[in-house]
Structure formats: structure tokens, C-alpha cells
Amino acid sequence: MNRLNVCTLAALVAVSFTLAGCPKKPTVKPNATDAQTVAQTGDSANTGRGSGADSNAVRPLTDTHGALPAGEGELGATIRFEYDSAEIKAEYQPIISSEGKQLAANRHLQLRLEGNTDERGSAEYNIALGERRAQAVKKALLLVGAIDSQLTTLSYGEERPLADGHDEAAWTQNRRVEIVVTAR
């Protein structure tokens, strides 16, 4: 085989692997018992997580010894979104305000903002939408006192649903940003 044919063959193999794509990753659900890395949010009737209280409420996250550090209040929440939207609804402003004030008063605190979507739309679109949602929450927290170094964003797109199902009830639970404490 001459050099041109080898290069052409190599290019065709590379293109075929690219076009074949990768199989979809299995859905990974967070472990609700790991309070350091998972915000304890959601309606237990729909998700199997949380205490069954108001799913919009701020829930306490404990340290590795099971207690909140002295002088620090609750952190961690879920902000839910409308279909195909990254706009924070007015009902979540008190949560944003509370989280931002706590970050302003405790500069050592760090949060990860995890953007999620429902299953509708392509994987690429949902990753981008999850990132827009996480960035919207970050911007809102910065406006009420947090500093950039306290916040990181991550988008899971549709890969980490809270509720299984293919209806509006499940989709509503899955369109969210989870605020997760990463450092105290």
C-alpha cells in the first residue's frame, strides 16, 4: 500500500469512529446519604429523597461528624426551572438571598452549582441548558454577596434525574440547580 492509501484509510477509520459516537452513559443518581456532596432536597413522595417537607426549603448539610459547624446556618437548596428556561423564578429569591448572605459572611464556604435538565432535547443541548441554569444561579448569588472564588458550576444535563418517568411530574423535578456545599 502506498502512503496516500494508508493516510486515506486512517482518516476513514477515524471518521467512522467519530460518526459512530459513544454509547450513552448510564444514569447516575447521587447517594442521598453523603451529606457533604449531595444537597438534601426534593419531595420524598416523588423522588425518594428529602424529608417530605417543602422541596424549596433550605436543608441543613452536616459535616463528617453529623453536626453543623458552630455559628453556621443551613446551606444547600434546589432551584427549579420552567421548561427550556434558565430564568430564576421569584419564589426562589429568598433562597438565593439567604445563601448569598451566608457566603458573604463566611468567605471560607464554597458551593458547587449543579445544573440539571429533564430528558427532552439532545444531550448537547441539555448540557448547555444545565450550564446556563447553573450560571444564572451563580450570577444571582454574586449579586447578593458571594464572591466568584466561592462558586463553581457543573452541568449534568439530563444524566442525573431525581425522578424517573416521562411525564410533567418527573420533568418538573428534574429541571433544577442543586446547590451543594463543597468546603466549610
Foldseek 3Di string as FASTA:
>chain_A
DDPVVVVVVVVVVVVVDVVVDDDDDAFDADDQVQLQFFQQADACVFQVTHDNPDRFDFDAGADPVRHNPPPADTDKHKFFDDPPDLDGDPVNLVVLLVNLVRCQVPVQWAKEKEFEFAPPDDQVVQQVSRQSNSVNSVVSSVVNGHDPVRYHYGYPRHRHFSGDDDDPVRRRRGGIIIIHINGD
